Amino acid sequence: RVGYVWLELCRDSPTGPRFVTIGAGARATSARDAETWF
């Protein structure tokens, strides 16, 4: 299986809302440990 987890942040700026998304993806099999990337 491959899955994702993410969190969106926002702040106000003179030009309007500024969004930033931080997240992580992961892949695992029953025979191998999970590999993660950010």
PDB file of all heavy atoms in Angstrom:
ATOM      1  N   ARG A   1       0.832  -1.206   0.000  1.00  0.00           N
ATOM      2  CA  ARG A   1       0.000   0.000   0.000  1.00  0.00           C
ATOM      3  C   ARG A   1       0.863   1.250   0.000  1.00  0.00           C
ATOM      4  O   ARG A   1       1.941   1.279   0.583  1.00  0.00           O
ATOM      5  CB  ARG A   1      -0.904   0.008   1.224  1.00  0.00           C
ATOM      6  CG  ARG A   1      -2.197   0.797   1.069  1.00  0.00           C
ATOM      7  CD  ARG A   1      -3.017   0.706   2.337  1.00  0.00           C
ATOM      8  NE  ARG A   1      -4.351   1.246   2.162  1.00  0.00           N
ATOM      9  CZ  ARG A   1      -5.150   1.566   3.161  1.00  0.00           C
ATOM     10  NH1 ARG A   1      -4.741   1.397   4.410  1.00  0.00           N
ATOM     11  NH2 ARG A   1      -6.357   2.056   2.940  1.00  0.00           N
ATOM     12  N   VAL A   2       0.373   2.292  -0.665  1.00  0.00           N
ATOM     13  CA  VAL A   2       0.977   3.624  -0.650  1.00  0.00           C
ATOM     14  C   VAL A   2      -0.055   4.591  -0.091  1.00  0.00           C
ATOM     15  O   VAL A   2      -1.227   4.547  -0.487  1.00  0.00           O
ATOM     16  CB  VAL A   2       1.412   4.072  -2.058  1.00  0.00           C
ATOM     17  CG1 VAL A   2       1.963   5.500  -2.026  1.00  0.00           C
ATOM     18  CG2 VAL A   2       2.444   3.111  -2.640  1.00  0.00           C
ATOM     19  N   GLY A   3       0.355   5.442   0.837  1.00  0.00           N
ATOM     20  CA  GLY A   3      -0.582   6.386   1.426  1.00  0.00           C
ATOM     21  C   GLY A   3       0.071   7.727   1.690  1.00  0.00           C
ATOM     22  O   GLY A   3       1.295   7.877   1.610  1.00  0.00           O
ATOM     23  N   TYR A   4      -0.778   8.713   2.024  1.00  0.00           N
ATOM     24  CA  TYR A   4      -0.302  10.072   2.275  1.00  0.00           C
ATOM     25  C   TYR A   4      -0.973  10.672   3.504  1.00  0.00           C
ATOM     26  O   TYR A   4      -2.127  10.381   3.803  1.00  0.00           O
ATOM     27  CB  TYR A   4      -0.589  10.983   1.066  1.00  0.00           C
ATOM     28  CG  TYR A   4       0.420  10.841  -0.044  1.00  0.00           C
ATOM     29  CD1 TYR A   4       0.229   9.925  -1.081  1.00  0.00           C
ATOM     30  CD2 TYR A   4       1.589  11.606  -0.057  1.00  0.00           C
ATOM     31  CE1 TYR A   4       1.166   9.777  -2.092  1.00  0.00           C
ATOM     32  CE2 TYR A   4       2.523  11.464  -1.065  1.00  0.00           C
ATOM     33  CZ  TYR A   4       2.307  10.561  -2.079  1.00  0.00           C
ATOM     34  OH  TYR A   4       3.235  10.420  -3.067  1.00  0.00           O
ATOM     35  N   VAL A   5      -0.208  11.514   4.172  1.00  0.00           N
ATOM     36  CA  VAL A   5      -0.704  12.324   5.283  1.00  0.00           C
ATOM     37  C   VAL A   5      -0.235  13.755   5.020  1.00  0.00           C
ATOM     38  O   VAL A   5       0.916  13.967   4.643  1.00  0.00           O
ATOM     39  CB  VAL A   5      -0.150  11.845   6.635  1.00  0.00           C
ATOM     40  CG1 VAL A   5      -0.772  12.620   7.775  1.00  0.00           C
ATOM     41  CG2 VAL A   5      -0.371  10.350   6.809  1.00  0.00           C
ATOM     42  N   TRP A   6      -1.111  14.729   5.202  1.00  0.00           N
ATOM     43  CA  TRP A   6      -0.714  16.108   4.914  1.00  0.00           C
ATOM     44  C   TRP A   6      -1.391  17.092   5.860  1.00  0.00           C
ATOM     45  O   TRP A   6      -2.428  16.805   6.456  1.00  0.00           O
ATOM     46  CB  TRP A   6      -1.022  16.482   3.458  1.00  0.00           C
ATOM     47  CG  TRP A   6      -2.456  16.259   3.043  1.00  0.00           C
ATOM     48  CD1 TRP A   6      -3.008  15.123   2.523  1.00  0.00           C
ATOM     49  CD2 TRP A   6      -3.530  17.206   3.132  1.00  0.00           C
ATOM     50  NE1 TRP A   6      -4.349  15.294   2.286  1.00  0.00           N
ATOM     51  CE2 TRP A   6      -4.702  16.560   2.640  1.00  0.00           C
ATOM     52  CE3 TRP A   6      -3.622  18.524   3.570  1.00  0.00           C
ATOM     53  CZ2 TRP A   6      -5.945  17.198   2.580  1.00  0.00           C
ATOM     54  CZ3 TRP A   6      -4.864  19.168   3.518  1.00  0.00           C
ATOM     55  CH2 TRP A   6      -6.002  18.509   3.010  1.00  0.00           C
ATOM     56  N   LEU A   7      -0.756  18.246   6.008  1.00  0.00           N
ATOM     57  CA  LEU A   7      -1.264  19.314   6.863  1.00  0.00           C
ATOM     58  C   LEU A   7      -1.101  20.631   6.115  1.00  0.00           C
ATOM     59  O   LEU A   7      -0.016  20.958   5.639  1.00  0.00           O
ATOM     60  CB  LEU A   7      -0.484  19.356   8.183  1.00  0.00           C
ATOM     61  CG  LEU A   7      -0.823  20.485   9.156  1.00  0.00           C
ATOM     62  CD1 LEU A   7      -2.243  20.322   9.706  1.00  0.00           C
ATOM     63  CD2 LEU A   7       0.183  20.516  10.312  1.00  0.00           C
ATOM     64  N   GLU A   8      -2.196  21.369   6.022  1.00  0.00           N
ATOM     65  CA  GLU A   8      -2.187  22.668   5.329  1.00  0.00           C
ATOM     66  C   GLU A   8      -2.179  23.797   6.348  1.00  0.00           C
ATOM     67  O   GLU A   8      -2.941  23.784   7.318  1.00  0.00           O
ATOM     68  CB  GLU A   8      -3.411  22.780   4.434  1.00  0.00           C
ATOM     69  CG  GLU A   8      -3.504  24.109   3.674  1.00  0.00           C
ATOM     70  CD  GLU A   8      -4.806  24.233   2.909  1.00  0.00           C
ATOM     71  OE1 GLU A   8      -4.856  23.788   1.752  1.00  0.00           O
ATOM     72  OE2 GLU A   8      -5.791  24.761   3.497  1.00  0.00           O
ATOM     73  N   LEU A   9      -1.302  24.767   6.135  1.00  0.00           N
ATOM     74  CA  LEU A   9      -1.182  25.937   6.987  1.00  0.00           C
ATOM     75  C   LEU A   9      -1.469  27.180   6.167  1.00  0.00           C
ATOM     76  O   LEU A   9      -1.253  27.200   4.948  1.00  0.00           O
ATOM     77  CB  LEU A   9       0.221  26.025   7.591  1.00  0.00           C
ATOM     78  CG  LEU A   9       0.721  24.782   8.329  1.00  0.00           C
ATOM     79  CD1 LEU A   9       2.216  24.891   8.591  1.00  0.00           C
ATOM     80  CD2 LEU A   9      -0.033  24.586   9.625  1.00  0.00           C
ATOM     81  N   CYS A  10      -1.934  28.229   6.835  1.00  0.00           N
ATOM     82  CA  CYS A  10      -2.259  29.465   6.131  1.00  0.00           C
ATOM     83  C   CYS A  10      -1.934  30.658   7.015  1.00  0.00           C
ATOM     84  O   CYS A  10      -2.061  30.591   8.247  1.00  0.00           O
ATOM     85  CB  CYS A  10      -3.747  29.481   5.751  1.00  0.00           C
ATOM     86  SG  CYS A  10      -4.298  31.010   4.941  1.00  0.00           S
ATOM     87  N   ARG A  11      -1.519  31.741   6.401  1.00  0.00           N
ATOM     88  CA  ARG A  11      -1.368  33.008   7.112  1.00  0.00           C
ATOM     89  C   ARG A  11      -1.773  34.139   6.182  1.00  0.00           C
ATOM     90  O   ARG A  11      -1.744  34.001   4.958  1.00  0.00           O
ATOM     91  CB  ARG A  11       0.062  33.209   7.605  1.00  0.00           C
ATOM     92  CG  ARG A  11       1.097  33.520   6.531  1.00  0.00           C
ATOM     93  CD  ARG A  11       2.451  33.807   7.192  1.00  0.00           C
ATOM     94  NE  ARG A  11       3.500  34.107   6.215  1.00  0.00           N
ATOM     95  CZ  ARG A  11       3.749  35.328   5.746  1.00  0.00           C
ATOM     96  NH1 ARG A  11       3.024  36.358   6.154  1.00  0.00           N
ATOM     97  NH2 ARG A  11       4.720  35.518   4.866  1.00  0.00           N
ATOM     98  N   ASP A  12      -2.158  35.250   6.767  1.00  0.00           N
ATOM     99  CA  ASP A  12      -2.543  36.414   5.980  1.00  0.00           C
ATOM    100  C   ASP A  12      -1.292  37.177   5.560  1.00  0.00           C
ATOM    101  O   ASP A  12      -0.309  37.259   6.298  1.00  0.00           O
ATOM    102  CB  ASP A  12      -3.463  37.328   6.783  1.00  0.00           C
ATOM    103  CG  ASP A  12      -4.767  36.648   7.147  1.00  0.00           C
ATOM    104  OD1 ASP A  12      -5.137  35.685   6.447  1.00  0.00           O
ATOM    105  OD2 ASP A  12      -5.415  37.069   8.121  1.00  0.00           O
ATOM    106  N   SER A  13      -1.348  37.740   4.373  1.00  0.00           N
ATOM    107  CA  SER A  13      -0.251  38.552   3.862  1.00  0.00           C
ATOM    108  C   SER A  13      -0.854  39.751   3.126  1.00  0.00           C
ATOM    109  O   SER A  13      -2.056  39.759   2.831  1.00  0.00           O
ATOM    110  CB  SER A  13       0.639  37.734   2.907  1.00  0.00           C
ATOM    111  OG  SER A  13      -0.031  37.492   1.688  1.00  0.00           O
ATOM    112  N   PRO A  14      -0.054  40.766   2.832  1.00  0.00           N
ATOM    113  CA  PRO A  14      -0.590  41.940   2.136  1.00  0.00           C
ATOM    114  C   PRO A  14      -1.231  41.607   0.790  1.00  0.00           C
ATOM    115  O   PRO A  14      -2.096  42.342   0.315  1.00  0.00           O
ATOM    116  CB  PRO A  14       0.649  42.828   1.959  1.00  0.00           C
ATOM    117  CG  PRO A  14       1.563  42.431   3.077  1.00  0.00           C
ATOM    118  CD  PRO A  14       1.346  40.959   3.247  1.00  0.00           C
ATOM    119  N   THR A  15      -0.823  40.500   0.190  1.00  0.00           N
ATOM    120  CA  THR A  15      -1.380  40.131  -1.112  1.00  0.00           C
ATOM    121  C   THR A  15      -2.478  39.082  -1.004  1.00  0.00           C
ATOM    122  O   THR A  15      -2.955  38.591  -2.018  1.00  0.00           O
ATOM    123  CB  THR A  15      -0.257  39.606  -2.026  1.00  0.00           C
ATOM    124  OG1 THR A  15       0.383  38.483  -1.407  1.00  0.00           O
ATOM    125  CG2 THR A  15       0.773  40.700  -2.293  1.00  0.00           C
ATOM    126  N   GLY A  16      -2.860  38.726   0.223  1.00  0.00           N
ATOM    127  CA  GLY A  16      -3.906  37.729   0.401  1.00  0.00           C
ATOM    128  C   GLY A  16      -3.408  36.537   1.182  1.00  0.00           C
ATOM    129  O   GLY A  16      -2.244  36.494   1.630  1.00  0.00           O
ATOM    130  N   PRO A  17      -4.256  35.522   1.383  1.00  0.00           N
ATOM    131  CA  PRO A  17      -3.843  34.347   2.149  1.00  0.00           C
ATOM    132  C   PRO A  17      -2.683  33.618   1.479  1.00  0.00           C
ATOM    133  O   PRO A  17      -2.644  33.482   0.258  1.00  0.00           O
ATOM    134  CB  PRO A  17      -5.102  33.464   2.165  1.00  0.00           C
ATOM    135  CG  PRO A  17      -6.227  34.378   1.820  1.00  0.00           C
ATOM    136  CD  PRO A  17      -5.658  35.428   0.936  1.00  0.00           C
ATOM    137  N   ARG A  18      -1.733  33.175   2.299  1.00  0.00           N
ATOM    138  CA  ARG A  18      -0.609  32.382   1.805  1.00  0.00           C
ATOM    139  C   ARG A  18      -0.720  30.988   2.400  1.00  0.00           C
ATOM    140  O   ARG A  18      -0.779  30.836   3.622  1.00  0.00           O
ATOM    141  CB  ARG A  18       0.722  33.012   2.195  1.00  0.00           C
ATOM    142  CG  ARG A  18       1.915  32.195   1.689  1.00  0.00           C
ATOM    143  CD  ARG A  18       3.222  32.705   2.226  1.00  0.00           C
ATOM    144  NE  ARG A  18       4.319  31.818   1.846  1.00  0.00           N
ATOM    145  CZ  ARG A  18       5.539  31.881   2.363  1.00  0.00           C
ATOM    146  NH1 ARG A  18       5.823  32.795   3.263  1.00  0.00           N
ATOM    147  NH2 ARG A  18       6.464  31.036   1.971  1.00  0.00           N
ATOM    148  N   PHE A  19      -0.763  29.986   1.526  1.00  0.00           N
ATOM    149  CA  PHE A  19      -0.914  28.599   1.964  1.00  0.00           C
ATOM    150  C   PHE A  19       0.397  27.838   1.804  1.00  0.00           C
ATOM    151  O   PHE A  19       1.146  28.057   0.844  1.00  0.00           O
ATOM    152  CB  PHE A  19      -1.998  27.894   1.147  1.00  0.00           C
ATOM    153  CG  PHE A  19      -3.384  28.416   1.394  1.00  0.00           C
ATOM    154  CD1 PHE A  19      -3.931  29.389   0.570  1.00  0.00           C
ATOM    155  CD2 PHE A  19      -4.142  27.947   2.451  1.00  0.00           C
ATOM    156  CE1 PHE A  19      -5.206  29.879   0.790  1.00  0.00           C
ATOM    157  CE2 PHE A  19      -5.414  28.419   2.685  1.00  0.00           C
ATOM    158  CZ  PHE A  19      -5.959  29.391   1.850  1.00  0.00           C
ATOM    159  N   VAL A  20       0.650  26.960   2.738  1.00  0.00           N
ATOM    160  CA  VAL A  20       1.781  26.032   2.670  1.00  0.00           C
ATOM    161  C   VAL A  20       1.267  24.661   3.087  1.00  0.00           C
ATOM    162  O   VAL A  20       0.541  24.536   4.081  1.00  0.00           O
ATOM    163  CB  VAL A  20       2.948  26.456   3.584  1.00  0.00           C
ATOM    164  CG1 VAL A  20       4.013  25.367   3.638  1.00  0.00           C
ATOM    165  CG2 VAL A  20       3.560  27.757   3.112  1.00  0.00           C
ATOM    166  N   THR A  21       1.627  23.644   2.325  1.00  0.00           N
ATOM    167  CA  THR A  21       1.247  22.271   2.652  1.00  0.00           C
ATOM    168  C   THR A  21       2.500  21.474   2.969  1.00  0.00           C
ATOM    169  O   THR A  21       3.456  21.468   2.191  1.00  0.00           O
ATOM    170  CB  THR A  21       0.499  21.603   1.490  1.00  0.00           C
ATOM    171  OG1 THR A  21      -0.675  22.348   1.173  1.00  0.00           O
ATOM    172  CG2 THR A  21       0.097  20.176   1.852  1.00  0.00           C
ATOM    173  N   ILE A  22       2.510  20.824   4.121  1.00  0.00           N
ATOM    174  CA  ILE A  22       3.578  19.894   4.457  1.00  0.00           C
ATOM    175  C   ILE A  22       2.967  18.497   4.502  1.00  0.00           C
ATOM    176  O   ILE A  22       1.803  18.332   4.890  1.00  0.00           O
ATOM    177  CB  ILE A  22       4.248  20.232   5.805  1.00  0.00           C
ATOM    178  CG1 ILE A  22       3.232  20.181   6.955  1.00  0.00           C
ATOM    179  CG2 ILE A  22       4.902  21.592   5.748  1.00  0.00           C
ATOM    180  CD1 ILE A  22       3.857  20.410   8.308  1.00  0.00           C
ATOM    181  N   GLY A  23       3.703  17.524   4.040  1.00  0.00           N
ATOM    182  CA  GLY A  23       3.111  16.194   3.985  1.00  0.00           C
ATOM    183  C   GLY A  23       4.147  15.099   3.926  1.00  0.00           C
ATOM    184  O   GLY A  23       5.355  15.341   3.829  1.00  0.00           O
ATOM    185  N   ALA A  24       3.646  13.890   3.987  1.00  0.00           N
ATOM    186  CA  ALA A  24       4.504  12.705   3.938  1.00  0.00           C
ATOM    187  C   ALA A  24       3.792  11.612   3.167  1.00  0.00           C
ATOM    188  O   ALA A  24       2.578  11.424   3.308  1.00  0.00           O
ATOM    189  CB  ALA A  24       4.834  12.225   5.341  1.00  0.00           C
ATOM    190  N   GLY A  25       4.559  10.934   2.348  1.00  0.00           N
ATOM    191  CA  GLY A  25       4.068   9.746   1.679  1.00  0.00           C
ATOM    192  C   GLY A  25       4.798   8.536   2.223  1.00  0.00           C
ATOM    193  O   GLY A  25       5.915   8.648   2.749  1.00  0.00           O
ATOM    194  N   ALA A  26       4.181   7.389   2.114  1.00  0.00           N
ATOM    195  CA  ALA A  26       4.811   6.168   2.630  1.00  0.00           C
ATOM    196  C   ALA A  26       4.361   4.979   1.803  1.00  0.00           C
ATOM    197  O   ALA A  26       3.231   4.938   1.308  1.00  0.00           O
ATOM    198  CB  ALA A  26       4.467   5.956   4.102  1.00  0.00           C
ATOM    199  N   ARG A  27       5.253   4.026   1.667  1.00  0.00           N
ATOM    200  CA  ARG A  27       4.949   2.782   0.960  1.00  0.00           C
ATOM    201  C   ARG A  27       5.489   1.631   1.790  1.00  0.00           C
ATOM    202  O   ARG A  27       6.607   1.687   2.309  1.00  0.00           O
ATOM    203  CB  ARG A  27       5.575   2.762  -0.426  1.00  0.00           C
ATOM    204  CG  ARG A  27       5.338   1.456  -1.187  1.00  0.00           C
ATOM    205  CD  ARG A  27       6.015   1.476  -2.552  1.00  0.00           C
ATOM    206  NE  ARG A  27       5.737   0.267  -3.306  1.00  0.00           N
ATOM    207  CZ  ARG A  27       6.450  -0.862  -3.216  1.00  0.00           C
ATOM    208  NH1 ARG A  27       7.490  -0.904  -2.402  1.00  0.00           N
ATOM    209  NH2 ARG A  27       6.128  -1.922  -3.936  1.00  0.00           N
ATOM    210  N   ALA A  28       4.695   0.585   1.917  1.00  0.00           N
ATOM    211  CA  ALA A  28       5.130  -0.592   2.670  1.00  0.00           C
ATOM    212  C   ALA A  28       4.539  -1.837   2.045  1.00  0.00           C
ATOM    213  O   ALA A  28       3.498  -1.788   1.380  1.00  0.00           O
ATOM    214  CB  ALA A  28       4.711  -0.491   4.134  1.00  0.00           C
ATOM    215  N   THR A  29       5.210  -2.946   2.237  1.00  0.00           N
ATOM    216  CA  THR A  29       4.685  -4.249   1.856  1.00  0.00           C
ATOM    217  C   THR A  29       4.748  -5.143   3.090  1.00  0.00           C
ATOM    218  O   THR A  29       5.436  -4.831   4.073  1.00  0.00           O
ATOM    219  CB  THR A  29       5.484  -4.887   0.713  1.00  0.00           C
ATOM    220  OG1 THR A  29       6.793  -5.224   1.196  1.00  0.00           O
ATOM    221  CG2 THR A  29       5.610  -3.936  -0.472  1.00  0.00           C
ATOM    222  N   SER A  30       4.050  -6.249   3.038  1.00  0.00           N
ATOM    223  CA  SER A  30       4.055  -7.151   4.193  1.00  0.00           C
ATOM    224  C   SER A  30       5.437  -7.724   4.464  1.00  0.00           C
ATOM    225  O   SER A  30       5.750  -8.121   5.590  1.00  0.00           O
ATOM    226  CB  SER A  30       3.053  -8.286   3.972  1.00  0.00           C
ATOM    227  OG  SER A  30       3.389  -9.024   2.797  1.00  0.00           O
ATOM    228  N   ALA A  31       6.294  -7.744   3.437  1.00  0.00           N
ATOM    229  CA  ALA A  31       7.623  -8.327   3.586  1.00  0.00           C
ATOM    230  C   ALA A  31       8.715  -7.296   3.843  1.00  0.00           C
ATOM    231  O   ALA A  31       9.846  -7.664   4.169  1.00  0.00           O
ATOM    232  CB  ALA A  31       7.985  -9.132   2.338  1.00  0.00           C
ATOM    233  N   ARG A  32       8.386  -6.003   3.704  1.00  0.00           N
ATOM    234  CA  ARG A  32       9.406  -4.974   3.851  1.00  0.00           C
ATOM    235  C   ARG A  32       8.893  -3.851   4.729  1.00  0.00           C
ATOM    236  O   ARG A  32       7.687  -3.571   4.782  1.00  0.00           O
ATOM    237  CB  ARG A  32       9.815  -4.415   2.482  1.00  0.00           C
ATOM    238  CG  ARG A  32      10.408  -5.448   1.541  1.00  0.00           C
ATOM    239  CD  ARG A  32      10.860  -4.803   0.244  1.00  0.00           C
ATOM    240  NE  ARG A  32      11.879  -3.795   0.468  1.00  0.00           N
ATOM    241  CZ  ARG A  32      12.420  -3.056  -0.501  1.00  0.00           C
ATOM    242  NH1 ARG A  32      12.019  -3.218  -1.754  1.00  0.00           N
ATOM    243  NH2 ARG A  32      13.338  -2.158  -0.227  1.00  0.00           N
ATOM    244  N   ASP A  33       9.834  -3.178   5.404  1.00  0.00           N
ATOM    245  CA  ASP A  33       9.466  -2.038   6.225  1.00  0.00           C
ATOM    246  C   ASP A  33       9.056  -0.862   5.350  1.00  0.00           C
ATOM    247  O   ASP A  33       9.309  -0.840   4.143  1.00  0.00           O
ATOM    248  CB  ASP A  33      10.639  -1.625   7.121  1.00  0.00           C
ATOM    249  CG  ASP A  33      10.901  -2.639   8.214  1.00  0.00           C
ATOM    250  OD1 ASP A  33       9.966  -3.392   8.564  1.00  0.00           O
ATOM    251  OD2 ASP A  33      12.045  -2.682   8.717  1.00  0.00           O
ATOM    252  N   ALA A  34       8.446   0.127   5.977  1.00  0.00           N
ATOM    253  CA  ALA A  34       7.937   1.278   5.245  1.00  0.00           C
ATOM    254  C   ALA A  34       9.068   2.195   4.788  1.00  0.00           C
ATOM    255  O   ALA A  34      10.055   2.399   5.503  1.00  0.00           O
ATOM    256  CB  ALA A  34       6.954   2.046   6.106  1.00  0.00           C
ATOM    257  N   GLU A  35       8.905   2.728   3.601  1.00  0.00           N
ATOM    258  CA  GLU A  35       9.761   3.795   3.085  1.00  0.00           C
ATOM    259  C   GLU A  35       8.934   5.070   3.104  1.00  0.00           C
ATOM    260  O   GLU A  35       7.778   5.078   2.693  1.00  0.00           O
ATOM    261  CB  GLU A  35      10.209   3.485   1.654  1.00  0.00           C
ATOM    262  CG  GLU A  35      10.957   4.639   1.002  1.00  0.00           C
ATOM    263  CD  GLU A  35      11.125   4.450  -0.502  1.00  0.00           C
ATOM    264  OE1 GLU A  35      10.310   3.728  -1.103  1.00  0.00           O
ATOM    265  OE2 GLU A  35      12.047   5.053  -1.073  1.00  0.00           O
ATOM    266  N   THR A  36       9.505   6.148   3.611  1.00  0.00           N
ATOM    267  CA  THR A  36       8.762   7.398   3.712  1.00  0.00           C
ATOM    268  C   THR A  36       9.472   8.514   2.975  1.00  0.00           C
ATOM    269  O   THR A  36      10.700   8.502   2.841  1.00  0.00           O
ATOM    270  CB  THR A  36       8.574   7.807   5.184  1.00  0.00           C
ATOM    271  OG1 THR A  36       9.853   7.894   5.818  1.00  0.00           O
ATOM    272  CG2 THR A  36       7.714   6.786   5.930  1.00  0.00           C
ATOM    273  N   TRP A  37       8.710   9.484   2.500  1.00  0.00           N
ATOM    274  CA  TRP A  37       9.261  10.672   1.861  1.00  0.00           C
ATOM    275  C   TRP A  37       8.403  11.865   2.276  1.00  0.00           C
ATOM    276  O   TRP A  37       7.235  11.728   2.607  1.00  0.00           O
ATOM    277  CB  TRP A  37       9.326  10.519   0.344  1.00  0.00           C
ATOM    278  CG  TRP A  37       8.017  10.166  -0.314  1.00  0.00           C
ATOM    279  CD1 TRP A  37       7.083  11.023  -0.820  1.00  0.00           C
ATOM    280  CD2 TRP A  37       7.496   8.845  -0.551  1.00  0.00           C
ATOM    281  NE1 TRP A  37       6.013  10.332  -1.351  1.00  0.00           N
ATOM    282  CE2 TRP A  37       6.249   8.991  -1.200  1.00  0.00           C
ATOM    283  CE3 TRP A  37       7.982   7.560  -0.277  1.00  0.00           C
ATOM    284  CZ2 TRP A  37       5.474   7.893  -1.575  1.00  0.00           C
ATOM    285  CZ3 TRP A  37       7.201   6.472  -0.644  1.00  0.00           C
ATOM    286  CH2 TRP A  37       5.972   6.641  -1.300  1.00  0.00           C
ATOM    287  N   PHE A  38       9.011  13.051   2.258  1.00  0.00           N
ATOM    288  CA  PHE A  38       8.369  14.238   2.807  1.00  0.00           C
ATOM    289  C   PHE A  38       8.407  15.369   1.783  1.00  0.00           C
ATOM    290  O   PHE A  38       9.286  15.415   0.928  1.00  0.00           O
ATOM    291  CB  PHE A  38       9.065  14.671   4.101  1.00  0.00           C
ATOM    292  CG  PHE A  38       9.068  13.596   5.143  1.00  0.00           C
ATOM    293  CD1 PHE A  38      10.073  12.641   5.179  1.00  0.00           C
ATOM    294  CD2 PHE A  38       8.055  13.516   6.070  1.00  0.00           C
ATOM    295  CE1 PHE A  38      10.068  11.626   6.129  1.00  0.00           C
ATOM    296  CE2 PHE A  38       8.044  12.518   7.027  1.00  0.00           C
ATOM    297  CZ  PHE A  38       9.051  11.572   7.055  1.00  0.00           C
TER     298      PHE A  38
END
